[in-house]
Protein backbone atom coordinates (compact mmCIF):
# COMPACT_ATOMS: atom_id res chain seq x y z
CA MET A 1 -28.94 11.26 -22.88
CA GLN A 2 -26.50 11.71 -20.20
CA SER A 3 -24.57 15.10 -20.28
CA ARG A 4 -20.85 14.94 -21.67
CA GLN A 5 -19.90 15.56 -18.23
CA SER A 6 -21.86 12.97 -16.60
CA MET A 7 -20.75 10.13 -19.08
CA GLU A 8 -16.93 11.51 -18.60
CA THR A 9 -17.33 10.57 -14.69
CA ASN A 10 -19.06 7.07 -15.59
CA ASN A 11 -16.54 6.05 -18.38
CA LEU A 12 -13.35 6.90 -17.05
CA ASN A 13 -10.96 4.13 -18.37
CA HIS A 14 -13.89 1.99 -19.83
CA THR A 15 -15.14 1.54 -23.70
CA ASN A 16 -18.52 2.95 -23.91
CA ASN A 17 -20.15 0.61 -26.19
CA GLU A 18 -23.28 3.00 -27.14
CA TYR A 19 -21.01 5.86 -27.99
CA ASP A 20 -17.73 4.03 -28.94
CA TYR A 21 -15.22 5.50 -26.96
CA ILE A 22 -12.25 5.48 -24.18
CA ILE A 23 -11.87 8.32 -22.15
CA ALA A 24 -8.21 7.91 -20.85
CA HIS A 25 -5.69 9.31 -18.32
CA PRO A 26 -2.89 11.23 -20.28
CA SER A 27 -0.31 10.44 -18.24
CA TYR A 28 -0.75 6.79 -17.82
CA GLU A 29 -3.68 4.67 -19.28
CA VAL A 30 -3.69 0.89 -19.00
CA ASN A 31 -7.13 -1.27 -20.61
CA GLN A 32 -8.59 -3.45 -22.48
CA ILE A 33 -7.17 -2.14 -25.92
CA PHE A 34 -4.06 -0.48 -25.34
CA MET A 35 -1.36 0.89 -22.54
CA SER A 36 -0.75 4.63 -22.72
CA LEU A 37 2.22 7.05 -21.35
CA GLY A 38 1.44 11.21 -21.86
CA PHE A 39 4.55 13.42 -21.85
CA ARG A 40 5.04 17.03 -22.49
CA GLU A 41 7.52 18.78 -24.33
CA THR A 42 8.66 22.65 -25.32
CA VAL A 43 8.12 23.46 -29.00
CA ILE A 44 8.19 26.30 -31.26
CA THR A 45 5.64 27.46 -33.36
CA ASN A 46 5.09 30.28 -35.39
CA ASN A 47 7.95 31.22 -33.87
CA GLN A 48 6.43 31.06 -30.29
CA VAL A 49 7.75 28.38 -27.76
CA GLU A 50 4.68 26.76 -26.21
CA ASN A 51 4.30 23.24 -24.34
CA LYS A 52 2.51 20.61 -26.41
CA ASN A 53 1.20 16.91 -25.07
CA PHE A 54 2.12 13.89 -26.88
CA TYR A 55 1.83 10.12 -26.47
CA ILE A 56 3.13 6.81 -26.85
CA ILE A 57 0.40 4.34 -27.52
CA SER A 58 0.95 0.15 -27.22
CA GLY A 59 -1.57 -1.63 -28.58
CA LYS A 60 -0.96 -4.27 -31.66
CA ASP A 61 1.96 -1.89 -32.37
CA ILE A 62 4.05 0.85 -30.81
CA SER A 63 3.84 4.52 -31.73
CA ILE A 64 3.33 8.09 -31.04
CA GLN A 65 0.10 10.66 -31.65
CA LYS A 66 0.30 14.31 -30.51
CA GLU A 67 -3.58 14.87 -30.57
CA SER A 68 -5.85 14.07 -27.35
CA VAL A 69 -8.77 13.10 -29.32
CA PHE A 70 -8.06 10.55 -32.12
CA LYS A 71 -9.32 7.32 -33.52
CA TYR A 72 -7.78 3.63 -32.38
CA GLU A 73 -8.62 1.05 -34.27
CA ASN A 74 -12.63 1.16 -34.16
CA THR A 75 -13.05 3.11 -30.98
CA THR A 76 -12.35 7.36 -30.56
CA ILE A 77 -9.83 7.77 -27.72
CA ILE A 78 -9.81 10.91 -26.24
CA PHE A 79 -7.17 11.65 -23.46
CA HIS A 80 -9.05 14.28 -20.64
CA GLU A 81 -6.17 16.34 -19.98
CA GLN A 82 -8.32 18.71 -18.19
CA ASP A 83 -6.48 20.32 -15.00
CA LYS A 84 -3.52 17.87 -15.58
CA MET A 85 0.25 19.14 -16.31
CA LEU A 86 2.14 16.37 -18.06
CA LEU A 87 5.63 15.43 -17.00
CA ARG A 88 8.50 16.76 -19.52
CA VAL A 89 9.48 14.50 -21.58
CA ASN A 90 13.60 15.14 -20.67
CA ASP A 91 12.44 14.93 -16.61
CA ARG A 92 12.19 11.17 -17.18
CA TRP A 93 12.99 9.81 -20.71
CA ASN A 94 14.55 11.00 -23.85
CA LYS A 95 12.58 11.84 -26.94
CA ASN A 96 15.62 10.58 -29.43
CA LYS A 97 15.13 7.31 -26.98
CA ILE A 98 11.71 7.03 -27.89
CA SER A 99 11.86 7.15 -31.27
CA SER A 100 14.91 4.96 -31.12
CA PHE A 101 12.85 2.36 -29.43
CA ILE A 102 9.35 2.98 -31.51
CA THR A 103 11.89 2.05 -34.33
CA ASN A 104 13.28 -0.92 -32.54
CA PRO A 105 10.36 -1.98 -29.71
CA GLU A 106 12.77 -4.76 -27.91
CA PRO A 107 12.35 -5.58 -24.50
CA PRO A 108 15.39 -4.87 -22.46
CA LYS A 109 17.15 -8.01 -20.95
CA GLU A 110 18.42 -8.61 -17.53
CA LEU A 111 16.56 -5.46 -16.34
CA TYR A 112 16.29 -7.36 -12.91
CA GLN A 113 19.74 -8.10 -12.38
CA GLU A 114 20.78 -4.79 -13.60
CA LEU A 115 18.87 -2.57 -11.32
CA LYS A 116 19.44 -4.70 -8.43
CA GLN A 117 23.49 -4.86 -8.63
CA THR A 118 22.63 -0.80 -8.95
CA LEU A 119 21.24 -0.64 -5.35
CA LYS A 120 23.84 -2.91 -4.22
CA ASN A 121 26.11 0.29 -5.59
CA TYR A 122 24.38 3.05 -4.03
CA ILE A 123 23.11 1.39 -0.78
CA GLU A 124 23.73 -0.90 2.32
CA PHE A 125 20.67 -3.37 3.40
CA GLN A 126 20.91 -5.52 6.09
CA ARG A 127 19.82 -8.18 4.20
CA GLU A 128 19.91 -9.79 0.51
CA ALA A 129 16.30 -10.58 0.05
CA ILE A 130 15.96 -6.77 0.60
CA TYR A 131 17.66 -5.94 -2.56
CA GLY A 132 15.54 -8.60 -4.62
CA ILE A 133 12.00 -7.16 -3.03
CA ILE A 134 13.18 -3.39 -3.74
CA THR A 135 13.92 -4.08 -7.44
CA ALA A 136 10.73 -6.01 -7.58
CA TRP A 137 9.11 -3.02 -6.69
CA ILE A 138 10.86 -0.50 -8.70
CA ILE A 139 10.04 -2.52 -11.74
CA ALA A 140 6.09 -3.29 -10.25
CA THR A 141 5.95 0.60 -10.05
CA TYR A 142 6.09 1.17 -14.05
CA PHE A 143 3.24 -1.59 -14.34
CA HIS A 144 0.95 -0.33 -11.11
CA ARG A 145 -2.46 0.34 -13.47
CA CYS A 146 -1.99 -3.43 -14.31
CA PHE A 147 -2.66 -4.42 -10.47
CA HIS A 148 -5.86 -3.79 -8.11
CA ALA A 149 -3.70 -3.47 -5.00
CA PHE A 150 -0.19 -2.18 -4.60
CA PRO A 151 1.92 -2.53 -1.55
CA PHE A 152 3.55 0.56 0.17
CA LEU A 153 7.21 1.14 1.60
CA PHE A 154 7.68 1.98 5.24
CA ILE A 155 11.67 2.59 5.79
CA TYR A 156 12.34 2.90 9.05
CA GLY A 157 15.36 4.59 11.03
CA LYS A 158 16.95 6.53 13.17
CA LYS A 159 18.35 9.85 11.77
CA GLN A 160 21.63 9.54 9.26
CA SER A 161 20.39 5.22 8.77
CA GLY A 162 19.86 6.29 5.14
CA LYS A 163 16.59 6.67 4.72
CA SER A 164 16.55 9.99 2.66
CA ARG A 165 19.27 8.43 0.33
CA PHE A 166 16.68 5.40 -0.12
CA LEU A 167 14.42 7.87 -1.33
CA ASP A 168 16.70 9.85 -3.59
CA LEU A 169 17.11 6.03 -5.41
CA LEU A 170 13.59 5.94 -5.26
CA GLU A 171 13.13 8.89 -6.57
CA ARG A 172 15.72 8.41 -9.87
CA LEU A 173 14.28 4.97 -10.97
CA SER A 174 10.86 5.00 -10.05
CA PHE A 175 7.82 5.78 -11.77
CA ASN A 176 7.05 8.99 -12.56
CA ALA A 177 8.20 9.54 -8.91
CA MET A 178 7.94 12.80 -6.77
CA LYS A 179 9.81 12.98 -3.47
CA VAL A 180 7.87 15.38 -0.61
CA LYS A 181 7.94 16.44 2.95
CA GLY A 182 4.63 18.18 3.32
CA VAL A 183 1.91 17.14 1.92
CA SER A 184 -1.71 18.63 1.09
CA VAL A 185 -4.81 17.34 -0.30
CA ALA A 186 -4.32 19.68 -3.07
CA SER A 187 -0.88 18.38 -3.94
CA LEU A 188 -2.19 14.74 -3.76
CA ALA A 189 -4.72 15.78 -6.22
CA ASP A 190 -2.61 17.60 -8.25
CA SER A 191 0.89 15.17 -7.87
CA ILE A 192 -0.75 11.04 -8.01
CA ASP A 193 -4.01 11.90 -9.73
CA GLY A 194 -2.28 13.96 -12.48
CA VAL A 195 0.97 11.80 -13.28
CA ARG A 196 -0.42 8.68 -11.72
CA GLY A 197 3.12 8.72 -10.04
CA THR A 198 5.31 7.14 -7.28
CA PHE A 199 4.76 9.09 -3.64
CA LEU A 200 7.55 9.37 -1.64
CA ASN A 201 7.16 11.01 1.57
CA ASP A 202 9.76 12.23 3.69
CA GLN A 203 9.51 12.66 7.50
CA ALA A 204 6.12 10.73 7.36
CA GLU A 205 5.50 10.54 11.45
CA GLU A 206 4.23 13.96 10.33
CA LEU A 207 0.91 12.12 9.30
CA SER A 208 0.47 10.93 12.67
CA ASN A 209 -0.79 14.51 13.63
CA LYS A 210 -4.12 15.16 14.10
CA LYS A 211 -4.68 18.00 11.51
CA ASN A 212 -3.54 15.33 8.35
CA THR A 213 -6.17 13.21 9.53
CA GLU A 214 -8.31 13.47 6.32
CA ILE A 215 -5.04 13.35 4.41
CA LEU A 216 -3.87 9.76 6.30
CA GLY A 217 -7.22 8.40 5.18
CA ILE A 218 -6.85 8.89 1.85
CA LEU A 219 -3.76 7.41 1.69
CA SER A 220 -4.82 4.54 3.47
CA ASP A 221 -7.31 3.66 1.09
CA SER A 222 -5.20 4.59 -1.29
CA TYR A 223 -3.37 1.04 -1.98
CA THR A 224 -6.24 -0.25 -3.79
CA ILE A 225 -7.26 0.73 -7.40
CA GLY A 226 -10.75 1.89 -6.05
CA GLY A 227 -9.69 3.06 -2.60
CA GLY A 228 -8.26 6.28 -2.93
CA LYS A 229 -10.85 8.17 -4.70
CA ARG A 230 -12.16 11.84 -2.83
CA ARG A 231 -14.24 14.92 -4.15
CA ILE A 232 -13.08 18.17 -2.75
CA VAL A 233 -14.65 21.71 -3.27
CA ASN A 234 -12.07 24.17 -5.24
CA MET A 235 -12.87 27.66 -4.63
CA SER A 236 -11.53 29.78 -7.15
CA ASN A 237 -11.59 33.27 -8.74
CA LYS A 238 -14.34 31.55 -11.35
CA GLY A 239 -16.10 29.86 -8.39
CA ARG A 240 -16.87 26.57 -6.54
CA ARG A 241 -16.18 23.25 -8.45
CA ILE A 242 -16.18 20.11 -6.94
CA ILE A 243 -13.00 18.19 -8.38
CA GLU A 244 -12.73 14.41 -8.34
CA PHE A 245 -9.47 12.49 -7.84
CA GLU A 246 -7.89 9.39 -7.26
CA THR A 247 -5.18 8.46 -5.41
CA PHE A 248 -4.03 5.08 -5.93
CA GLY A 249 -0.46 4.33 -6.64
CA PRO A 250 2.72 3.29 -5.14
CA LYS A 251 3.95 4.96 -2.26
CA ALA A 252 6.81 5.13 0.18
CA PHE A 253 7.39 6.94 3.93
CA ALA A 254 10.41 7.32 5.64
CA SER A 255 10.40 8.14 8.99
CA ILE A 256 12.02 7.86 12.36
CA LYS A 257 8.68 6.82 14.40
CA GLU A 258 6.50 4.36 13.47
CA ILE A 259 3.77 5.53 11.39
CA ASP A 260 0.00 5.30 12.15
CA SER A 261 -1.24 1.36 12.21
CA ASP A 262 -4.09 1.64 9.62
CA LEU A 263 -1.63 3.07 7.03
CA ARG A 264 1.41 0.81 8.27
CA ASP A 265 -0.23 -2.46 7.42
CA ARG A 266 -0.15 -1.57 3.87
CA CYS A 267 3.67 -1.68 4.00
CA ILE A 268 6.68 -3.66 3.55
CA GLU A 269 8.57 -2.46 6.47
CA ILE A 270 12.20 -2.12 5.86
CA THR A 271 14.64 -1.06 8.86
CA MET A 272 17.62 1.01 7.88
CA LEU A 273 20.87 0.89 10.17
CA ARG A 274 23.49 2.92 9.29
CA ALA A 275 25.73 1.64 6.84
CA ILE A 276 29.54 0.08 7.61
CA LYS A 277 31.11 1.86 4.67
CA GLU A 278 31.02 4.30 2.77
CA TYR A 279 28.78 4.74 -0.53
CA PRO A 280 28.77 6.94 -3.45
CA TYR A 281 26.11 9.41 -3.64
CA PRO A 282 23.11 8.57 -6.09
CA ASP A 283 23.14 12.03 -7.39
CA ALA A 284 20.84 13.39 -10.00
CA TYR A 285 22.65 14.03 -13.03
CA LEU A 286 24.70 10.45 -13.18
CA PRO A 287 23.11 9.26 -16.85
CA ILE A 288 22.90 5.88 -14.84
CA TRP A 289 18.95 6.93 -14.38
CA ASN A 290 17.92 8.03 -17.54
CA ASP A 291 19.46 4.76 -18.96
CA LEU A 292 17.87 2.71 -16.70
CA ARG A 293 14.40 4.42 -16.57
CA ASP A 294 14.83 3.98 -20.41
CA ARG A 295 15.29 0.33 -20.07
CA LEU A 296 11.98 0.43 -17.32
CA TYR A 297 10.00 2.18 -20.14
CA ARG A 298 10.74 0.00 -22.39
CA LEU A 299 9.92 -3.50 -20.46
CA LEU A 300 6.33 -1.60 -20.00
CA PHE A 301 5.50 -0.84 -23.58
CA THR A 302 6.99 -4.37 -24.41
CA ARG A 303 5.58 -6.48 -21.78
CA TRP A 304 2.40 -4.77 -20.60
CA HIS A 305 -0.11 -7.73 -21.52
CA ARG A 306 2.20 -10.14 -20.00
CA VAL A 307 2.28 -8.93 -17.06
CA ARG A 308 -1.62 -9.00 -17.07
CA GLU A 309 -1.67 -12.21 -17.70
CA LEU A 310 0.73 -13.40 -14.77
CA TYR A 311 -0.76 -11.29 -12.41
CA GLN A 312 -4.32 -13.48 -12.87
CA GLU A 313 -2.37 -16.13 -11.47
CA THR A 314 -0.36 -15.25 -8.54
CA GLY A 315 -1.18 -15.47 -5.32
CA LYS A 316 -2.50 -18.50 -5.16
CA ASP A 317 -0.56 -19.48 -1.84
CA VAL A 318 -1.57 -16.33 -0.03
CA SER A 319 -4.75 -15.10 1.27
CA HIS A 320 -6.34 -11.54 2.35
CA ARG A 321 -4.54 -7.95 2.32
CA VAL A 322 -1.11 -9.74 1.97
CA LYS A 323 -2.48 -11.67 -1.05
CA GLU A 324 -3.37 -8.51 -2.58
CA LEU A 325 0.36 -6.54 -1.68
CA TRP A 326 2.03 -10.27 -2.78
CA ARG A 327 0.64 -10.32 -6.18
CA PRO A 328 2.28 -6.98 -8.13
CA LEU A 329 5.95 -8.40 -6.72
CA GLU A 330 4.96 -11.89 -7.48
CA SER A 331 4.34 -10.91 -10.89
CA ILE A 332 7.63 -9.20 -11.27
CA LEU A 333 9.33 -11.80 -9.81
CA GLN A 334 7.96 -14.32 -12.49
CA LEU A 335 8.24 -11.59 -15.93
CA GLU A 336 11.95 -11.61 -15.09
CA ASN A 337 12.35 -15.04 -14.45
CA VAL A 338 13.82 -14.27 -11.14
CA PRO A 339 15.19 -17.97 -9.65
CA SER A 340 13.14 -19.83 -7.72
CA GLU A 341 15.64 -20.17 -4.52
CA GLU A 342 15.76 -16.43 -4.61
CA MET A 343 12.24 -15.81 -5.22
CA LYS A 344 11.45 -18.40 -1.79
CA GLU A 345 14.04 -15.82 0.25
CA ILE A 346 12.28 -12.55 -1.12
CA LYS A 347 8.90 -13.88 -0.44
CA GLY A 348 10.08 -15.12 2.86
CA PHE A 349 10.98 -11.52 3.81
CA PHE A 350 7.86 -10.30 2.74
CA LEU A 351 5.97 -12.40 4.72
CA GLU A 352 8.28 -11.79 7.90
CA SER A 353 7.71 -8.01 7.19
CA MET A 354 3.74 -8.54 6.74
CA GLN A 355 3.81 -10.20 10.31
CA GLU A 356 5.75 -6.89 11.63
CA THR A 357 2.67 -4.78 10.19
CA GLN A 358 -0.51 -6.39 9.97
CA ASN A 359 -2.63 -5.65 12.82
CA GLU A 360 -2.91 -8.86 14.08
CA LEU A 361 -3.56 -9.75 17.66
CA SER A 362 -1.87 -8.83 20.16
CA GLU A 363 -0.27 -10.85 22.99
CA TYR A 364 -2.56 -9.63 25.37
CA GLU A 365 -6.12 -10.10 23.02
CA ILE A 366 -4.34 -14.02 22.55
CA LYS A 367 -4.20 -14.09 26.53
CA LEU A 368 -8.16 -13.22 26.30
CA PHE A 369 -8.93 -16.07 23.66
CA GLU A 370 -6.77 -18.32 25.73
CA THR A 371 -8.19 -17.51 28.81
CA LEU A 372 -11.92 -18.09 27.56
CA GLN A 373 -10.92 -21.47 25.66
CA GLU A 374 -9.95 -22.61 29.36
CA ILE A 375 -12.78 -21.17 30.86
CA LEU A 376 -15.47 -23.04 28.18
CA LYS A 377 -13.26 -26.33 28.03
CA GLY A 378 -15.51 -29.04 28.62
CA LYS A 379 -18.36 -26.96 28.59
CA GLY A 380 -19.18 -26.08 25.09
CA LYS A 381 -21.44 -22.90 26.12
CA GLU A 382 -21.26 -20.43 29.17
CA ILE A 383 -22.89 -17.67 29.79
CA LEU A 384 -20.42 -15.06 31.34
CA THR A 385 -20.08 -11.11 32.21
CA ILE A 386 -17.34 -9.15 31.74
CA THR A 387 -16.64 -9.47 35.27
CA ASP A 388 -15.95 -12.97 35.45
CA ILE A 389 -14.02 -12.75 32.42
CA ALA A 390 -11.61 -10.10 34.41
CA GLU A 391 -11.59 -12.21 36.89
CA ASN A 392 -10.01 -15.06 35.00
CA LEU A 393 -7.46 -12.87 32.91
CA LYS A 394 -6.11 -11.18 35.66
CA SER A 395 -4.80 -13.22 38.86
CA ASP A 396 -4.44 -10.31 41.07
CA TYR A 397 -7.96 -8.86 39.59
CA SER A 398 -9.58 -8.65 43.22
CA THR A 399 -6.60 -6.61 44.40
CA MET A 400 -7.00 -3.83 41.80
CA ASP A 401 -8.41 -0.63 42.65
CA GLU A 402 -12.07 0.15 41.37
CA LYS A 403 -10.53 2.55 38.80
CA GLU A 404 -8.24 -0.24 37.26
CA LYS A 405 -10.78 -1.99 37.21
CA LYS A 406 -12.87 -0.18 35.62
CA ARG A 407 -10.20 0.18 32.94
CA PHE A 408 -9.68 -3.39 32.87
CA GLN A 409 -13.53 -4.35 31.83
CA ILE A 410 -13.51 -2.03 29.14
CA TRP A 411 -11.34 -2.96 27.68
CA ILE A 412 -11.97 -6.40 27.76
CA GLY A 413 -15.49 -5.36 26.59
CA LYS A 414 -14.25 -3.63 23.79
CA ILE A 415 -12.23 -6.27 22.33
CA VAL A 416 -15.09 -8.97 22.91
CA LYS A 417 -17.46 -6.31 21.24
CA GLN A 418 -15.36 -5.20 18.36
CA LEU A 419 -14.69 -9.09 17.67
CA SER A 420 -17.94 -10.27 18.04
CA LEU A 421 -16.83 -13.07 20.64
CA TYR A 422 -20.22 -13.66 22.09
CA ASP A 423 -23.28 -15.56 20.62
CA LYS A 424 -25.92 -13.45 21.95
CA PRO A 425 -26.98 -11.13 24.86
CA VAL A 426 -28.91 -12.85 27.63
CA GLY A 427 -29.96 -10.21 29.80
CA ARG A 428 -28.43 -9.88 32.93
CA LYS A 429 -26.24 -12.22 36.13
CA ASP A 430 -25.81 -10.89 39.17
CA GLY A 431 -26.94 -7.49 38.15
CA LYS A 432 -24.61 -7.51 35.01
CA ARG A 433 -24.99 -7.64 31.75
CA ALA A 434 -24.17 -11.09 30.24
CA TYR A 435 -23.48 -12.64 27.36
CA GLU A 436 -23.51 -16.56 26.20
CA PHE A 437 -19.83 -17.54 24.62
CA SER A 438 -19.51 -20.99 22.87
CA VAL A 439 -15.84 -22.22 22.47
CA ASP A 440 -16.99 -23.07 18.47
CA ARG A 441 -17.28 -19.81 18.03
CA ILE A 442 -14.07 -18.76 20.02
CA ASP A 443 -12.30 -20.97 18.38
CA SER A 444 -13.31 -20.50 14.89
CA ILE A 445 -12.84 -16.30 15.68
CA TYR A 446 -9.15 -17.24 16.95
CA GLN A 447 -8.17 -19.30 13.82
CA ARG A 448 -9.13 -16.53 11.43
CA TYR A 449 -6.48 -14.01 13.36
CA ILE A 450 -3.70 -16.05 14.23
CA THR A 451 -2.83 -17.45 11.04
CA MET A 452 -1.98 -16.75 7.20
CA THR A 453 -2.75 -19.05 4.37
CA ILE A 454 0.83 -20.43 2.97
CA ASP A 455 2.31 -23.14 1.46
CA ASP A 456 4.60 -25.19 2.98
CA HIS A 457 8.16 -23.61 1.65
CA CYS A 458 7.31 -20.33 3.20
CA PRO A 459 6.43 -21.08 7.01
CA ILE A 460 5.47 -18.16 9.33
CA PRO A 461 5.09 -17.87 12.91
CA VAL A 462 1.46 -16.74 14.68
CA MET A 463 1.27 -13.77 14.06
CA VAL A 464 1.37 -12.12 17.02
CA SER A 465 2.14 -7.94 17.21
CA HIS A 466 5.69 -6.96 18.02
CA LYS A 467 4.62 -3.82 19.84
CA SER A 468 2.95 -5.65 22.87
CA SER A 469 5.50 -8.85 23.20
CA GLN A 470 7.37 -9.15 26.27
CA LYS A 471 10.78 -10.23 26.66
CA ASN A 472 11.39 -13.40 29.09
CA ALA A 473 7.91 -12.76 30.26
CA PRO A 474 6.32 -15.64 32.69
CA ASP A 475 4.09 -17.66 31.84
CA HIS A 476 1.03 -16.39 32.92
CA VAL A 477 1.48 -12.97 31.20
CA THR A 478 1.63 -10.00 33.26
CA ILE A 479 -0.91 -7.27 32.14
CA GLY A 480 -0.21 -3.26 32.42
CA MET A 481 -2.94 -1.01 32.20
CA SER A 482 -1.07 1.19 29.94
CA ASP A 483 -0.58 -1.33 27.48
CA LEU A 484 -4.22 -2.28 27.90
CA VAL A 485 -6.04 0.71 27.38
CA GLU A 486 -4.47 3.07 24.04
CA ASP A 487 -7.69 5.70 24.59
CA GLU A 488 -7.34 6.21 28.10
CA ASN A 489 -10.53 8.29 27.53
CA ILE A 490 -12.80 5.71 26.33
CA PRO A 491 -16.36 6.26 27.67
CA GLU A 492 -17.51 3.93 30.11
CA LYS A 493 -21.07 4.09 28.64
CA GLU A 494 -19.01 1.89 25.56
CA ILE A 495 -19.94 -1.59 27.26
CA GLU A 496 -22.31 -1.76 30.04
CA ILE A 497 -20.72 -4.13 32.12
């Protein structure tokens, strides 16, 4: 028989048929049987002030449960409270409003429109569709445990362009939101795993610092429900202990610089400009935020079943990661009955943002594909060396000095290897390593990278990285060495030329 600790690890968020129990997360749980939120409140017991947890359960009905272990229908529910400090109820909701809701558990009406108008009252975006996509994103943060993946926000702009104001609005309205500047692995475990909240990172350019490599990897993986799980060794007075935590959940990053590409391609990019007119500041004490969060919680408790159903039918006209990131937003837009024309505009902006953030082919990589297609035109297959490709790709290759040639060859070899462009190695040609290339393989790989599968109502151009585009470039792209070689320290032995 498994030990209790092992069973807890293996069965979190799942029903165990043999033992008939569910070990649930105390802050936020969604499973096949029920959905729940947990809060902390201060109570007086025997003239002593103490903190107590309580749980709001939504299944066949909505009720409050004060014990961490209880029977629900035919299943024992265990809220795994160890090392988790829940949010104070008055920080996000209100006990009186909770009681009122349980007495009359009706979903709020026109919440999407109300939230969107509130955003318009406090912040300026460049396009109407941005108000819609951010409204849907805020609502989706409350339902994020209903989804398998969740899009991040990348808030990009110069100083005093409204980035911090934007994060403050998200902090007021998003689910269990926490705004931070510095971040550590330990704080991720405490905050994101502890309350399953929305992570808001100001000055996110710091994540590109080499000392934050581990954190950056965790954050990049955490857009999917299983991707952000980590184990760390915690050293304390009690000794050495391994802690397992997860970091999946909604996240927004504000920065004056571009963030790491691995993190960026999980993001919807919102570029901020300094506002034309003066807007009131979204001060935390304003009662509007409590009222809106009350309505958001009510929507979650009354409509989570429906969101799970809608989610299964979304994303049918997009593919791959773009599909993963779009589905939560589409689910919310459908839930709130957003008009089709408005949905079309929002989706159009989303796809434009994906064009900016996805790690697709650069202009130079596209030129490499086109060069190979030209070499193979009418031949089907051809045996080539990296030097053969270089001579065709760059017209002035013969006049380059040896160092430039070497760097250029290394770049070509790196892309050929990374994208597996050749059919097979075939020994040597003119003393250099040679490969067999086929037009069918080149065309097949090219098509995988330059298009996204979308419907006819939302056309989008070829996916080319904006970083490498050159205004007024001649037909024959002039390829600069500094653009081609991102890492000048690539070892020459990486590819044999």
